[in-house]
Amino acid sequence: MNEILIRFLIGGIVVSAFALVSDVFKPKSFAGIFGAAPSVALATISLTVIKSGRAYAAIEAHSMIYGALAFILYAWLVGRLLLRCKWSTLLVTASALAVWCVSALGLWMVFVR
């Protein structure tokens, strides 16, 4: 129960801080980017430091970075395919998930293991 409370407090504080930062940027659609993922990642890393120590949290943070890099590749690929090929959005996004999985796992195996 304590972990849930800590996650709630850290997440709430960080979401509020990122929401304030996102008000500065234009367009306002950036607000979603700065609201969810960073706050969840920071809350998770904070709890991991408390629960398992800094060394393990560093491994987890590196894994998050590699997942984010793989997601950038995924988003770029989806954007290119949707703009150039005019294929179904569901087909493109579902198929590109394989690219994200392979690239995230590949980065993790090369750099973390």
C-alpha atoms as a PDB file:
ATOM      1  CA  MET A   1       0.000   0.000   0.000  1.00  0.00           C
ATOM      2  CA  ASN A   2       2.889   2.361   0.755  1.00  0.00           C
ATOM      3  CA  GLU A   3       4.276   1.815  -2.737  1.00  0.00           C
ATOM      4  CA  ILE A   4       0.971   2.802  -4.320  1.00  0.00           C
ATOM      5  CA  LEU A   5       0.801   5.943  -2.188  1.00  0.00           C
ATOM      6  CA  ILE A   6       4.368   6.923  -3.046  1.00  0.00           C
ATOM      7  CA  ARG A   7       3.737   6.266  -6.741  1.00  0.00           C
ATOM      8  CA  PHE A   8       0.564   8.378  -6.548  1.00  0.00           C
ATOM      9  CA  LEU A   9       2.318  11.284  -4.827  1.00  0.00           C
ATOM     10  CA  ILE A  10       5.410  11.301  -7.032  1.00  0.00           C
ATOM     11  CA  GLY A  11       3.343  10.825 -10.179  1.00  0.00           C
ATOM     12  CA  GLY A  12       0.926  13.590  -9.216  1.00  0.00           C
ATOM     13  CA  ILE A  13       3.665  16.069  -8.397  1.00  0.00           C
ATOM     14  CA  VAL A  14       5.608  15.323 -11.561  1.00  0.00           C
ATOM     15  CA  VAL A  15       2.504  15.390 -13.783  1.00  0.00           C
ATOM     16  CA  SER A  16       1.635  18.798 -12.348  1.00  0.00           C
ATOM     17  CA  ALA A  17       5.168  20.077 -12.948  1.00  0.00           C
ATOM     18  CA  PHE A  18       5.205  18.813 -16.524  1.00  0.00           C
ATOM     19  CA  ALA A  19       1.746  20.305 -17.129  1.00  0.00           C
ATOM     20  CA  LEU A  20       3.108  23.685 -16.062  1.00  0.00           C
ATOM     21  CA  VAL A  21       6.095  23.275 -18.389  1.00  0.00           C
ATOM     22  CA  SER A  22       3.868  22.175 -21.274  1.00  0.00           C
ATOM     23  CA  ASP A  23       1.868  25.416 -21.026  1.00  0.00           C
ATOM     24  CA  VAL A  24       4.977  27.239 -22.223  1.00  0.00           C
ATOM     25  CA  PHE A  25       5.280  25.242 -25.449  1.00  0.00           C
ATOM     26  CA  LYS A  26       3.273  25.634 -28.619  1.00  0.00           C
ATOM     27  CA  PRO A  27       1.281  23.767 -29.952  1.00  0.00           C
ATOM     28  CA  LYS A  28      -0.746  22.688 -26.960  1.00  0.00           C
ATOM     29  CA  SER A  29      -0.714  19.101 -28.247  1.00  0.00           C
ATOM     30  CA  PHE A  30       2.758  18.879 -26.678  1.00  0.00           C
ATOM     31  CA  ALA A  31       1.054  18.878 -23.277  1.00  0.00           C
ATOM     32  CA  GLY A  32       0.258  15.161 -23.553  1.00  0.00           C
ATOM     33  CA  ILE A  33       3.864  14.301 -24.301  1.00  0.00           C
ATOM     34  CA  PHE A  34       5.086  16.157 -21.249  1.00  0.00           C
ATOM     35  CA  GLY A  35       2.273  14.941 -18.995  1.00  0.00           C
ATOM     36  CA  ALA A  36       2.184  11.168 -18.988  1.00  0.00           C
ATOM     37  CA  ALA A  37       5.322   9.267 -19.921  1.00  0.00           C
ATOM     38  CA  PRO A  38       7.946  11.325 -18.058  1.00  0.00           C
ATOM     39  CA  SER A  39       5.955  11.337 -14.848  1.00  0.00           C
ATOM     40  CA  VAL A  40       5.359   7.593 -14.915  1.00  0.00           C
ATOM     41  CA  ALA A  41       9.033   6.959 -15.692  1.00  0.00           C
ATOM     42  CA  LEU A  42      10.232   9.224 -12.886  1.00  0.00           C
ATOM     43  CA  ALA A  43       7.832   7.684 -10.376  1.00  0.00           C
ATOM     44  CA  THR A  44       8.940   4.198 -11.389  1.00  0.00           C
ATOM     45  CA  ILE A  45      12.640   5.062 -11.177  1.00  0.00           C
ATOM     46  CA  SER A  46      12.143   6.728  -7.777  1.00  0.00           C
ATOM     47  CA  LEU A  47      10.411   3.654  -6.394  1.00  0.00           C
ATOM     48  CA  THR A  48      13.066   1.387  -7.910  1.00  0.00           C
ATOM     49  CA  VAL A  49      15.827   3.375  -6.174  1.00  0.00           C
ATOM     50  CA  ILE A  50      14.000   3.095  -2.856  1.00  0.00           C
ATOM     51  CA  LYS A  51      13.173  -0.582  -3.268  1.00  0.00           C
ATOM     52  CA  SER A  52      16.172  -2.049  -5.126  1.00  0.00           C
ATOM     53  CA  GLY A  53      18.979   0.507  -5.004  1.00  0.00           C
ATOM     54  CA  ARG A  54      20.699   2.826  -7.446  1.00  0.00           C
ATOM     55  CA  ALA A  55      22.518   0.183  -9.475  1.00  0.00           C
ATOM     56  CA  TYR A  56      19.324  -1.652 -10.376  1.00  0.00           C
ATOM     57  CA  ALA A  57      17.532   1.637 -11.063  1.00  0.00           C
ATOM     58  CA  ALA A  58      20.323   2.582 -13.481  1.00  0.00           C
ATOM     59  CA  ILE A  59      19.722  -0.620 -15.433  1.00  0.00           C
ATOM     60  CA  GLU A  60      16.001   0.124 -15.503  1.00  0.00           C
ATOM     61  CA  ALA A  61      16.655   3.702 -16.664  1.00  0.00           C
ATOM     62  CA  HIS A  62      18.861   2.465 -19.484  1.00  0.00           C
ATOM     63  CA  SER A  63      16.115   0.051 -20.498  1.00  0.00           C
ATOM     64  CA  MET A  64      13.642   2.949 -20.599  1.00  0.00           C
ATOM     65  CA  ILE A  65      16.004   4.944 -22.814  1.00  0.00           C
ATOM     66  CA  TYR A  66      16.396   2.066 -25.269  1.00  0.00           C
ATOM     67  CA  GLY A  67      12.637   1.562 -25.342  1.00  0.00           C
ATOM     68  CA  ALA A  68      12.186   5.269 -26.083  1.00  0.00           C
ATOM     69  CA  LEU A  69      14.743   5.132 -28.894  1.00  0.00           C
ATOM     70  CA  ALA A  70      12.944   2.133 -30.358  1.00  0.00           C
ATOM     71  CA  PHE A  71       9.667   4.052 -30.074  1.00  0.00           C
ATOM     72  CA  ILE A  72      11.171   6.957 -32.022  1.00  0.00           C
ATOM     73  CA  LEU A  73      12.049   4.498 -34.792  1.00  0.00           C
ATOM     74  CA  TYR A  74       8.508   3.080 -34.611  1.00  0.00           C
ATOM     75  CA  ALA A  75       6.903   6.530 -34.822  1.00  0.00           C
ATOM     76  CA  TRP A  76       9.135   7.555 -37.719  1.00  0.00           C
ATOM     77  CA  LEU A  77       8.336   4.349 -39.617  1.00  0.00           C
ATOM     78  CA  VAL A  78       4.588   4.662 -39.017  1.00  0.00           C
ATOM     79  CA  GLY A  79       4.628   8.278 -40.148  1.00  0.00           C
ATOM     80  CA  ARG A  80       6.576   7.508 -43.312  1.00  0.00           C
ATOM     81  CA  LEU A  81       4.398   4.539 -44.266  1.00  0.00           C
ATOM     82  CA  LEU A  82       1.143   6.363 -43.620  1.00  0.00           C
ATOM     83  CA  LEU A  83       2.187   9.423 -45.608  1.00  0.00           C
ATOM     84  CA  ARG A  84       3.807   7.652 -48.532  1.00  0.00           C
ATOM     85  CA  CYS A  85       1.852   4.437 -48.962  1.00  0.00           C
ATOM     86  CA  LYS A  86      -1.641   5.428 -47.809  1.00  0.00           C
ATOM     87  CA  TRP A  87      -2.089   2.037 -46.156  1.00  0.00           C
ATOM     88  CA  SER A  88      -4.556   1.255 -43.388  1.00  0.00           C
ATOM     89  CA  THR A  89      -3.599   2.863 -40.078  1.00  0.00           C
ATOM     90  CA  LEU A  90      -4.369  -0.328 -38.174  1.00  0.00           C
ATOM     91  CA  LEU A  91      -2.215  -2.406 -40.529  1.00  0.00           C
ATOM     92  CA  VAL A  92       0.735  -0.012 -40.361  1.00  0.00           C
ATOM     93  CA  THR A  93       0.702   0.497 -36.594  1.00  0.00           C
ATOM     94  CA  ALA A  94       0.203  -3.189 -35.806  1.00  0.00           C
ATOM     95  CA  SER A  95       2.937  -4.255 -38.221  1.00  0.00           C
ATOM     96  CA  ALA A  96       5.356  -1.614 -36.977  1.00  0.00           C
ATOM     97  CA  LEU A  97       5.017  -2.974 -33.429  1.00  0.00           C
ATOM     98  CA  ALA A  98       7.279  -5.806 -34.547  1.00  0.00           C
ATOM     99  CA  VAL A  99       9.921  -3.217 -35.493  1.00  0.00           C
ATOM    100  CA  TRP A 100       9.612  -1.615 -32.066  1.00  0.00           C
ATOM    101  CA  CYS A 101       9.905  -4.967 -30.282  1.00  0.00           C
ATOM    102  CA  VAL A 102      12.918  -6.109 -32.284  1.00  0.00           C
ATOM    103  CA  SER A 103      14.746  -2.787 -32.000  1.00  0.00           C
ATOM    104  CA  ALA A 104      14.040  -2.398 -28.258  1.00  0.00           C
ATOM    105  CA  LEU A 105      15.110  -5.956 -27.529  1.00  0.00           C
ATOM    106  CA  GLY A 106      18.165  -5.590 -29.755  1.00  0.00           C
ATOM    107  CA  LEU A 107      19.296  -2.394 -28.022  1.00  0.00           C
ATOM    108  CA  TRP A 108      18.720  -3.982 -24.631  1.00  0.00           C
ATOM    109  CA  MET A 109      20.693  -7.109 -25.546  1.00  0.00           C
ATOM    110  CA  VAL A 110      23.609  -5.094 -26.934  1.00  0.00           C
ATOM    111  CA  PHE A 111      23.912  -2.459 -24.230  1.00  0.00           C
ATOM    112  CA  VAL A 112      22.342  -3.776 -21.006  1.00  0.00           C
ATOM    113  CA  ARG A 113      23.093  -7.467 -20.978  1.00  0.00           C
END
